[in-house]
Protein backbone atom coordinates (compact mmCIF):
# COMPACT_ATOMS: atom_id res chain seq x y z
CA MET A 1 0.00 0.00 0.00
CA THR A 2 1.52 3.33 -1.06
CA ARG A 3 0.56 6.91 -0.48
CA ALA A 4 0.05 7.47 -4.19
CA SER A 5 -2.57 4.74 -4.34
CA LEU A 6 -4.55 6.27 -1.46
CA PHE A 7 -4.38 10.05 -1.73
CA THR A 8 -4.60 12.84 -4.17
CA ALA A 9 -2.22 15.79 -3.83
CA SER A 10 -4.28 17.04 -0.87
CA PRO A 11 -3.44 15.90 2.64
CA LEU A 12 -6.05 13.61 4.15
CA ALA A 13 -7.14 16.25 6.67
CA GLU A 14 -7.91 18.71 3.86
CA ALA A 15 -9.56 16.11 1.65
CA MET A 16 -11.86 15.10 4.55
CA ARG A 17 -12.71 18.63 5.69
CA PRO A 18 -16.52 18.94 6.05
CA ARG A 19 -18.35 21.23 3.67
CA ARG A 20 -21.56 21.51 5.73
CA LEU A 21 -22.10 22.38 9.38
CA GLN A 22 -24.07 19.18 10.00
CA ASP A 23 -21.01 17.17 8.93
CA VAL A 24 -18.78 18.63 11.67
CA VAL A 25 -18.36 15.89 14.27
CA GLY A 26 -18.51 16.29 18.01
CA GLN A 27 -20.12 19.76 18.15
CA VAL A 28 -23.80 18.98 17.56
CA GLU A 29 -25.34 21.69 19.74
CA LEU A 30 -22.98 24.37 18.46
CA THR A 31 -23.44 23.58 14.78
CA ALA A 32 -27.22 23.49 15.23
CA GLN A 33 -27.06 26.93 16.85
CA LEU A 34 -24.88 28.31 14.06
CA SER A 35 -27.16 26.87 11.37
CA ARG A 36 -30.00 28.95 12.78
CA ARG A 37 -27.95 32.13 12.67
CA MET A 38 -26.11 31.59 9.40
CA ASN A 39 -27.18 34.91 7.89
CA ALA A 40 -27.12 36.89 11.12
CA THR A 41 -24.85 39.85 11.68
CA GLY A 42 -23.41 39.10 15.13
CA SER A 43 -19.72 38.49 15.66
CA PHE A 44 -18.36 35.62 17.72
CA VAL A 45 -15.20 33.88 18.83
CA LEU A 46 -14.80 30.11 18.65
CA TRP A 47 -12.86 28.90 21.69
CA GLY A 48 -11.74 25.31 21.96
CA PRO A 49 -8.79 22.90 21.99
CA PRO A 50 -6.78 22.16 18.83
CA GLY A 51 -8.40 19.96 16.20
CA THR A 52 -12.02 20.49 17.25
CA GLY A 53 -13.31 22.21 14.09
CA LYS A 54 -12.85 25.95 14.66
CA THR A 55 -11.30 26.72 11.27
CA THR A 56 -13.65 24.32 9.48
CA ILE A 57 -16.71 25.98 11.01
CA ALA A 58 -15.45 29.43 10.03
CA ARG A 59 -14.84 28.32 6.43
CA ILE A 60 -18.32 26.82 6.19
CA MET A 61 -19.84 29.99 7.58
CA GLY A 62 -17.91 31.96 4.98
CA GLU A 63 -19.13 29.75 2.14
CA GLU A 64 -22.77 29.50 3.22
CA ALA A 65 -23.48 32.88 4.84
CA GLY A 66 -23.72 34.80 1.57
CA GLN A 67 -21.16 37.28 2.83
CA ARG A 68 -17.75 38.03 1.45
CA PHE A 69 -15.25 35.85 3.32
CA ARG A 70 -11.78 37.11 4.22
CA PRO A 71 -9.54 34.80 6.28
CA ILE A 72 -6.36 36.01 7.97
CA SER A 73 -4.01 34.65 10.61
CA ALA A 74 -3.07 36.70 13.67
CA VAL A 75 0.32 34.99 13.52
CA PHE A 76 1.23 36.55 10.17
CA ASP A 77 -1.09 39.52 9.64
CA GLY A 78 -1.48 42.80 11.49
CA VAL A 79 -3.06 46.25 11.35
CA ALA A 80 -1.83 46.95 7.81
CA GLU A 81 -3.71 43.92 6.47
CA LEU A 82 -6.80 44.89 8.48
CA ARG A 83 -6.76 48.33 6.89
CA ARG A 84 -6.66 46.79 3.41
CA ILE A 85 -9.59 44.54 4.28
CA PHE A 86 -11.57 47.46 5.69
CA ALA A 87 -10.90 49.54 2.57
CA ASP A 88 -12.19 46.71 0.37
CA ALA A 89 -15.17 46.15 2.67
CA ARG A 90 -16.33 49.78 2.70
CA PRO A 91 -17.95 49.93 -0.80
CA LEU A 92 -19.55 46.53 -0.27
CA PHE A 93 -21.00 47.70 3.04
CA GLU A 94 -22.38 50.85 1.45
CA ALA A 95 -24.02 48.60 -1.14
CA GLY A 96 -25.63 46.56 1.66
CA GLN A 97 -23.20 43.64 2.04
CA ALA A 98 -21.08 42.90 5.09
CA THR A 99 -17.69 41.18 5.00
CA LEU A 100 -17.13 38.11 7.14
CA LEU A 101 -13.61 38.34 8.55
CA PHE A 102 -12.08 35.21 10.02
CA VAL A 103 -9.10 35.79 12.32
CA ASP A 104 -7.36 32.53 13.17
CA GLU A 105 -5.49 32.47 16.50
CA ILE A 106 -7.01 35.82 17.40
CA HIS A 107 -5.41 35.63 20.86
CA ARG A 108 -2.09 36.47 19.19
CA PHE A 109 -3.32 39.96 18.29
CA ASN A 110 -1.99 42.53 20.77
CA LYS A 111 -4.24 45.18 22.33
CA ALA A 112 -3.64 47.72 19.55
CA GLN A 113 -4.46 45.15 16.87
CA GLN A 114 -7.61 44.09 18.72
CA ASP A 115 -8.64 47.73 19.10
CA ALA A 116 -8.26 48.18 15.34
CA LEU A 117 -11.13 45.74 14.84
CA LEU A 118 -13.58 47.64 17.03
CA PRO A 119 -14.88 50.43 14.73
CA ALA A 120 -15.59 48.09 11.80
CA VAL A 121 -17.24 45.48 14.02
CA GLU A 122 -19.36 48.04 15.85
CA GLU A 123 -20.44 49.71 12.60
CA GLY A 124 -21.45 46.33 11.17
CA MET A 125 -19.16 46.61 8.17
CA ILE A 126 -17.27 43.57 9.42
CA ARG A 127 -18.76 40.43 10.88
CA LEU A 128 -15.92 38.94 12.90
CA ILE A 129 -15.28 35.27 13.56
CA GLY A 130 -12.24 34.62 15.71
CA ALA A 131 -10.70 31.28 16.59
CA THR A 132 -8.60 30.70 19.70
CA THR A 133 -7.27 27.94 21.90
CA GLU A 134 -6.72 30.45 24.74
CA ASN A 135 -9.31 31.58 27.26
CA PRO A 136 -10.84 34.77 25.75
CA SER A 137 -11.30 36.20 29.25
CA PHE A 138 -7.53 36.55 29.43
CA SER A 139 -6.46 36.80 25.79
CA LEU A 140 -8.99 39.35 24.47
CA ASN A 141 -9.32 42.87 25.80
CA SER A 142 -12.59 43.86 27.43
CA ALA A 143 -13.65 46.20 24.62
CA LEU A 144 -13.49 43.48 21.98
CA LEU A 145 -14.90 40.84 24.31
CA SER A 146 -17.98 42.99 24.93
CA ARG A 147 -18.73 43.06 21.19
CA VAL A 148 -18.53 39.33 20.46
CA GLN A 149 -20.20 36.18 21.68
CA VAL A 150 -17.88 33.41 22.85
CA LEU A 151 -18.86 29.96 21.56
CA VAL A 152 -17.15 27.00 23.20
CA LEU A 153 -16.03 23.88 21.35
CA ASN A 154 -15.30 20.71 23.27
CA ALA A 155 -12.46 18.26 22.77
CA LEU A 156 -13.73 15.43 20.58
CA ASP A 157 -14.89 12.41 22.53
CA ALA A 158 -14.22 8.78 21.59
CA THR A 159 -17.47 8.55 19.59
CA ALA A 160 -16.60 11.60 17.46
CA LEU A 161 -13.05 10.37 16.88
CA ASP A 162 -14.37 6.95 15.85
CA GLN A 163 -16.63 8.74 13.37
CA LEU A 164 -13.57 10.39 11.87
CA ILE A 165 -11.85 7.02 11.50
CA ALA A 166 -14.95 5.65 9.74
CA ARG A 167 -14.98 8.65 7.38
CA ALA A 168 -11.32 8.17 6.58
CA GLU A 169 -11.94 4.51 5.84
CA ALA A 170 -14.83 5.45 3.55
CA HIS A 171 -12.65 8.05 1.84
CA ILE A 172 -9.80 5.63 1.12
CA GLY A 173 -12.15 2.77 0.33
CA GLN A 174 -10.81 0.25 2.84
CA PRO A 175 -10.51 -0.21 6.63
CA LEU A 176 -7.45 0.88 8.54
CA PRO A 177 -5.06 -2.01 9.19
CA LEU A 178 -5.78 -2.05 12.91
CA GLU A 179 -6.98 -4.63 15.36
CA GLU A 180 -9.82 -3.53 17.64
CA GLY A 181 -7.52 -2.81 20.59
CA ALA A 182 -5.19 -0.77 18.39
CA ARG A 183 -8.15 1.24 17.10
CA GLY A 184 -8.98 2.22 20.68
CA ALA A 185 -5.33 3.03 21.36
CA LEU A 186 -5.27 5.28 18.28
CA ILE A 187 -8.29 7.19 19.59
CA ALA A 188 -6.60 7.56 22.98
CA MET A 189 -3.42 8.89 21.30
CA ALA A 190 -5.45 11.61 19.58
CA ASP A 191 -6.50 12.99 22.98
CA GLY A 192 -9.57 14.78 21.62
CA ASP A 193 -7.76 16.34 18.62
CA GLY A 194 -9.42 15.40 15.33
CA ARG A 195 -6.74 16.89 13.12
CA TYR A 196 -4.05 14.99 14.96
CA LEU A 197 -6.04 11.77 14.62
CA ILE A 198 -6.26 12.24 10.85
CA ASN A 199 -2.53 12.92 10.66
CA LEU A 200 -1.89 9.71 12.64
CA MET A 201 -4.08 7.75 10.23
CA GLU A 202 -2.22 9.22 7.30
CA THR A 203 1.09 8.16 8.84
CA ILE A 204 -0.20 4.62 9.37
CA LEU A 205 -1.28 4.34 5.76
CA GLU A 206 2.06 5.67 4.55
CA LEU A 207 4.16 3.26 6.64
CA TRP A 208 2.08 0.09 6.64
CA GLN A 209 2.88 -2.24 3.79
CA ASP A 210 0.60 -4.64 1.88
CA GLY A 211 0.84 -8.18 3.14
CA GLN A 212 1.58 -7.20 6.72
CA PRO A 213 -0.91 -8.32 9.40
CA PRO A 214 -3.16 -5.68 11.00
CA LEU A 215 -1.42 -3.74 13.73
CA ASP A 216 -2.05 -4.64 17.35
CA THR A 217 -1.54 -2.12 20.15
CA GLN A 218 2.16 -2.88 20.46
CA GLY A 219 2.69 -2.69 16.71
CA LEU A 220 0.86 0.63 16.55
CA GLY A 221 3.07 2.00 19.31
CA GLN A 222 6.18 0.93 17.45
CA LEU A 223 4.92 2.46 14.22
CA LEU A 224 3.98 5.78 15.72
CA SER A 225 5.93 7.91 18.14
CA LYS A 226 3.72 8.60 21.15
CA ARG A 227 2.18 12.02 21.24
CA ALA A 228 3.30 14.42 23.99
CA LEU A 229 0.51 15.22 26.44
CA ASN A 230 -1.58 18.26 25.52
CA TYR A 231 -0.04 20.86 27.78
CA ASP A 232 1.04 24.46 27.45
CA ARG A 233 2.89 25.69 30.52
CA ALA A 234 1.83 29.25 29.74
CA GLY A 235 -1.70 28.44 28.64
CA ASP A 236 -5.09 27.30 29.89
CA GLU A 237 -4.11 23.68 30.52
CA HIS A 238 -1.40 24.81 32.92
CA TYR A 239 -3.97 26.62 35.05
CA ASN A 240 -6.67 23.98 34.57
CA LEU A 241 -4.52 21.16 35.91
CA ILE A 242 -3.14 23.05 38.90
CA SER A 243 -6.73 24.06 39.70
CA ALA A 244 -7.77 20.40 39.47
CA LEU A 245 -4.92 19.41 41.79
CA HIS A 246 -5.71 22.16 44.31
CA LYS A 247 -9.43 21.38 44.43
CA SER A 248 -8.82 17.62 44.69
CA LEU A 249 -6.65 18.21 47.75
CA ARG A 250 -9.23 20.55 49.25
CA ALA A 251 -11.82 17.80 48.74
CA SER A 252 -9.48 15.35 50.52
CA ASP A 253 -9.43 13.19 47.37
CA CYS A 254 -5.97 11.70 47.64
CA ASP A 255 -6.22 9.53 44.51
CA ALA A 256 -7.44 12.34 42.26
CA GLY A 257 -4.67 14.55 43.63
CA LEU A 258 -2.05 11.96 42.69
CA TYR A 259 -3.58 11.64 39.21
CA TRP A 260 -3.45 15.39 38.50
CA LEU A 261 0.08 15.55 39.89
CA ALA A 262 1.12 12.74 37.54
CA ARG A 263 -0.51 14.52 34.60
CA MET A 264 1.44 17.68 35.31
CA MET A 265 4.75 15.92 35.90
CA LEU A 266 4.45 13.83 32.72
CA ALA A 267 3.61 16.97 30.75
CA GLY A 268 6.83 18.64 31.86
CA GLU A 269 5.48 21.12 34.41
CA ASP A 270 8.13 22.80 36.55
CA PRO A 271 8.20 20.83 39.84
CA TYR A 272 9.13 23.98 41.73
CA TYR A 273 5.91 25.64 40.54
CA ILE A 274 3.94 22.65 41.85
CA LEU A 275 5.80 22.75 45.18
CA ARG A 276 5.17 26.48 45.54
CA ARG A 277 1.45 25.96 44.98
CA LEU A 278 1.36 23.00 47.39
CA THR A 279 3.06 25.10 50.07
CA ARG A 280 0.44 27.81 49.55
CA PHE A 281 -2.26 25.14 49.84
CA ALA A 282 -0.81 24.04 53.17
CA SER A 283 -1.29 27.60 54.50
CA GLU A 284 -4.58 28.42 52.81
CA ASP A 285 -6.59 25.21 53.08
CA ILE A 286 -5.05 23.37 56.04
CA GLY A 287 -3.63 26.16 58.12
CA LEU A 288 -3.66 25.57 61.87
CA ALA A 289 -5.82 22.46 61.64
CA ALA A 290 -2.48 20.72 60.99
CA PRO A 291 0.25 23.29 61.77
CA GLU A 292 2.93 20.87 60.58
CA ALA A 293 1.60 21.04 57.00
CA VAL A 294 3.74 24.01 55.94
CA GLY A 295 6.80 22.35 57.46
CA LYS A 296 6.03 19.18 55.52
CA ALA A 297 5.72 21.22 52.32
CA ILE A 298 9.04 22.99 52.89
CA SER A 299 10.68 19.65 53.71
CA ALA A 300 9.40 18.12 50.46
CA TRP A 301 10.63 21.20 48.58
CA GLN A 302 14.10 20.83 50.09
CA SER A 303 14.14 17.09 49.38
CA TYR A 304 13.36 17.74 45.72
CA GLU A 305 16.05 20.44 45.55
CA ARG A 306 18.63 17.91 46.77
CA LEU A 307 17.47 14.92 44.73
CA GLY A 308 15.89 16.30 41.56
CA SER A 309 13.90 14.04 39.22
CA PRO A 310 13.06 11.23 39.23
CA GLU A 311 14.26 10.45 42.78
CA GLY A 312 12.74 13.60 44.25
CA ASP A 313 9.36 13.09 42.56
CA LEU A 314 8.30 10.75 45.37
CA ALA A 315 8.74 13.55 47.92
CA ILE A 316 6.17 15.61 45.97
CA ALA A 317 3.80 12.63 45.73
CA GLU A 318 4.09 12.03 49.48
CA LEU A 319 3.34 15.70 50.10
CA VAL A 320 0.21 15.45 47.96
CA ILE A 321 -0.92 12.42 49.98
CA PHE A 322 -0.25 14.23 53.28
CA LEU A 323 -2.08 17.39 52.23
CA ALA A 324 -5.05 15.44 50.88
CA THR A 325 -5.45 13.43 54.05
CA ALA A 326 -4.80 16.27 56.53
CA PRO A 327 -7.70 18.01 58.34
CA LYS A 328 -8.78 21.12 56.45
CA SER A 329 -9.41 24.66 57.64
CA ASN A 330 -9.33 28.04 55.95
CA ALA A 331 -9.99 29.84 59.23
CA ALA A 332 -6.57 31.53 59.32
CA TYR A 333 -6.88 32.51 55.64
CA SER A 334 -10.35 33.99 56.22
CA ALA A 335 -9.20 35.79 59.37
CA TRP A 336 -6.30 37.38 57.51
CA LYS A 337 -8.55 38.57 54.67
CA GLN A 338 -10.99 40.09 57.14
CA ALA A 339 -8.21 41.81 59.09
CA MET A 340 -6.82 43.27 55.86
CA LYS A 341 -10.30 44.49 54.91
CA THR A 342 -10.72 46.25 58.27
CA ALA A 343 -7.25 47.78 58.09
CA ARG A 344 -8.03 49.20 54.63
CA GLU A 345 -11.49 50.50 55.43
CA ALA A 346 -11.44 51.55 59.08
CA GLY A 347 -8.77 54.22 58.83
CA HIS A 348 -5.45 54.66 60.63
CA HIS A 349 -6.38 54.23 64.26
CA PRO A 350 -3.51 54.56 66.75
CA PRO A 351 -2.84 51.74 69.24
CA PRO A 352 -4.24 52.29 72.74
CA LYS A 353 -1.65 54.12 74.84
CA HIS A 354 -1.41 51.45 77.54
CA ILE A 355 0.26 48.98 75.12
CA LEU A 356 2.80 51.53 73.84
CA ASN A 357 6.35 51.75 75.16
CA ALA A 358 7.42 54.95 76.94
CA PRO A 359 11.19 55.26 76.50
CA THR A 360 11.19 59.06 77.07
CA GLN A 361 9.87 61.32 79.83
CA LEU A 362 7.64 63.15 77.36
CA MET A 363 5.98 59.89 76.31
CA LYS A 364 5.39 59.00 79.95
CA GLU A 365 3.81 62.40 80.50
CA LEU A 366 1.54 61.65 77.54
CA ASP A 367 0.40 58.45 79.31
CA TYR A 368 2.24 56.05 77.00
CA GLY A 369 2.29 52.68 78.76
CA LYS A 370 0.03 53.89 81.59
CA GLY A 371 -2.05 51.09 83.07
CA TYR A 372 -0.28 48.30 81.15
CA VAL A 373 -0.56 44.91 82.84
CA TYR A 374 2.26 42.43 82.31
CA ASP A 375 0.41 39.22 81.45
CA HIS A 376 2.99 36.94 83.08
CA ASP A 377 2.35 38.64 86.43
CA THR A 378 -1.29 37.56 86.48
CA GLU A 379 -2.50 34.30 87.97
CA GLU A 380 -3.85 32.96 84.68
CA GLY A 381 -1.05 34.44 82.53
CA PHE A 382 -3.74 36.50 80.80
CA SER A 383 -4.49 40.15 81.53
CA ALA A 384 -7.62 40.58 79.35
CA GLN A 385 -6.44 44.10 78.46
CA ASN A 386 -7.76 45.63 75.25
CA CYS A 387 -5.24 45.67 72.39
CA PHE A 388 -7.56 47.05 69.70
CA PRO A 389 -7.67 50.79 69.00
CA ASP A 390 -9.77 52.62 71.56
CA ASN A 391 -12.38 53.70 69.03
CA LEU A 392 -12.60 50.38 67.16
CA ALA A 393 -14.79 47.62 68.54
CA ARG A 394 -13.19 44.24 69.04
CA ILE A 395 -13.60 41.95 65.99
CA ALA A 396 -13.31 38.17 66.20
CA TYR A 397 -11.60 37.51 62.88
CA TYR A 398 -10.34 34.03 63.63
CA GLN A 399 -13.00 31.33 63.93
CA PRO A 400 -11.17 28.01 64.24
CA ALA A 401 -12.67 24.97 62.58
CA PRO A 402 -13.73 22.04 64.78
CA ARG A 403 -11.09 19.86 63.13
CA GLY A 404 -7.52 18.82 63.83
CA PHE A 405 -5.37 20.99 66.07
CA GLU A 406 -7.79 23.91 65.74
CA ARG A 407 -10.09 22.12 68.18
CA GLU A 408 -7.41 22.71 70.83
CA ILE A 409 -6.97 26.32 69.75
CA LYS A 410 -10.72 26.89 70.09
CA LYS A 411 -10.59 25.63 73.69
CA ARG A 412 -7.92 28.23 74.47
CA LEU A 413 -9.78 31.06 72.76
CA ASP A 414 -13.00 30.18 74.59
CA TYR A 415 -11.11 30.08 77.90
CA TRP A 416 -9.55 33.49 77.32
CA GLN A 417 -12.89 34.95 76.26
CA ARG A 418 -14.48 33.73 79.52
CA LEU A 419 -11.66 35.39 81.46
CA ARG A 420 -12.09 38.57 79.45
CA GLU A 421 -15.79 38.70 80.24
CA ALA A 422 -15.19 37.87 83.91
CA LYS A 423 -12.68 40.71 84.29
CA LYS A 424 -15.12 43.11 82.64
CA SER A 425 -17.73 42.29 85.27
CA GLU A 426 -15.34 42.84 88.20
């Protein structure tokens, strides 16, 4: 079997590109919505992972919408090209026809380039379709984002990817030389990316020779180099996976935490970034319920610094297990946020004079330190003196959780509060 006997000059991905919205796989609700608004005037941005049909949908819209279609790439084109498109669009607009402008990888436009789109979009001269793999909330400025609708595409599931394999087989007129297990492995390799799946199929058909038995899973792995995990350390997946790890630990789901850690490590995430976030988690979500958590995090960090990968990876995994199984409390975190809020909003109140030092005669004459009670001189080791500003009511910021070590802290706080109230009544 040779490439020449299977393909024309076009790559398989181009030859198989759908020509109608209903033929786009894996995005049924979206394509149905777009079919209803084919001749509308609204602009939108297609946001989704690679290989999910963004460019295909834009091309179909351009062909079927009855509007002049101008595609550009934000990687190669800039404001100069936009000006040329706007100049060409002006007479058409005055004659009653809008231009449909497709901007691929629109997230690569800087703020000035995005701003250049605004007048034409707002006037209606240009109907904009953008395509991006990056979260528009972060990659598009607010002015442009307010003028477009964001439509989300999902990674293709196994059913959609299997449909693509069936279409490829129909296109070439014969089944792929794969055993059933290898077919499933091929779908798993694609990881939701239809374009990548088609490129894998094309590679199989180029390398497999007539007379050879169908490929099993092992044979497929030998034929194809395994795809790197879908991960961009500066993009959405970076933040999605660390969020998944953080929330799994907060939910005390040890196994899920280990899974997300493994995903990040295999994808090449910086272990020091993970350790920094885990140390923050120890403070924010465990806090004083297990005061040793931060120490454990620092210890794991130091172990990794000394060992590196792969030996030091186990220290990170053990930290994840510890944090997931530790008692949880955000009481200290909440108390700190509330204290910061009061400090910002309540003004610059001076400390009460009785808790100020009086190193000079003048300060003593001004009553600095007057009436101060040295706590260690009291029977309970607790003076109950007010340490808040005189004109600011006492605020109980810290409310310990009834878990872990904070149960002991709550006993102490309750004891001191009883003493405080008793001394008030004396």
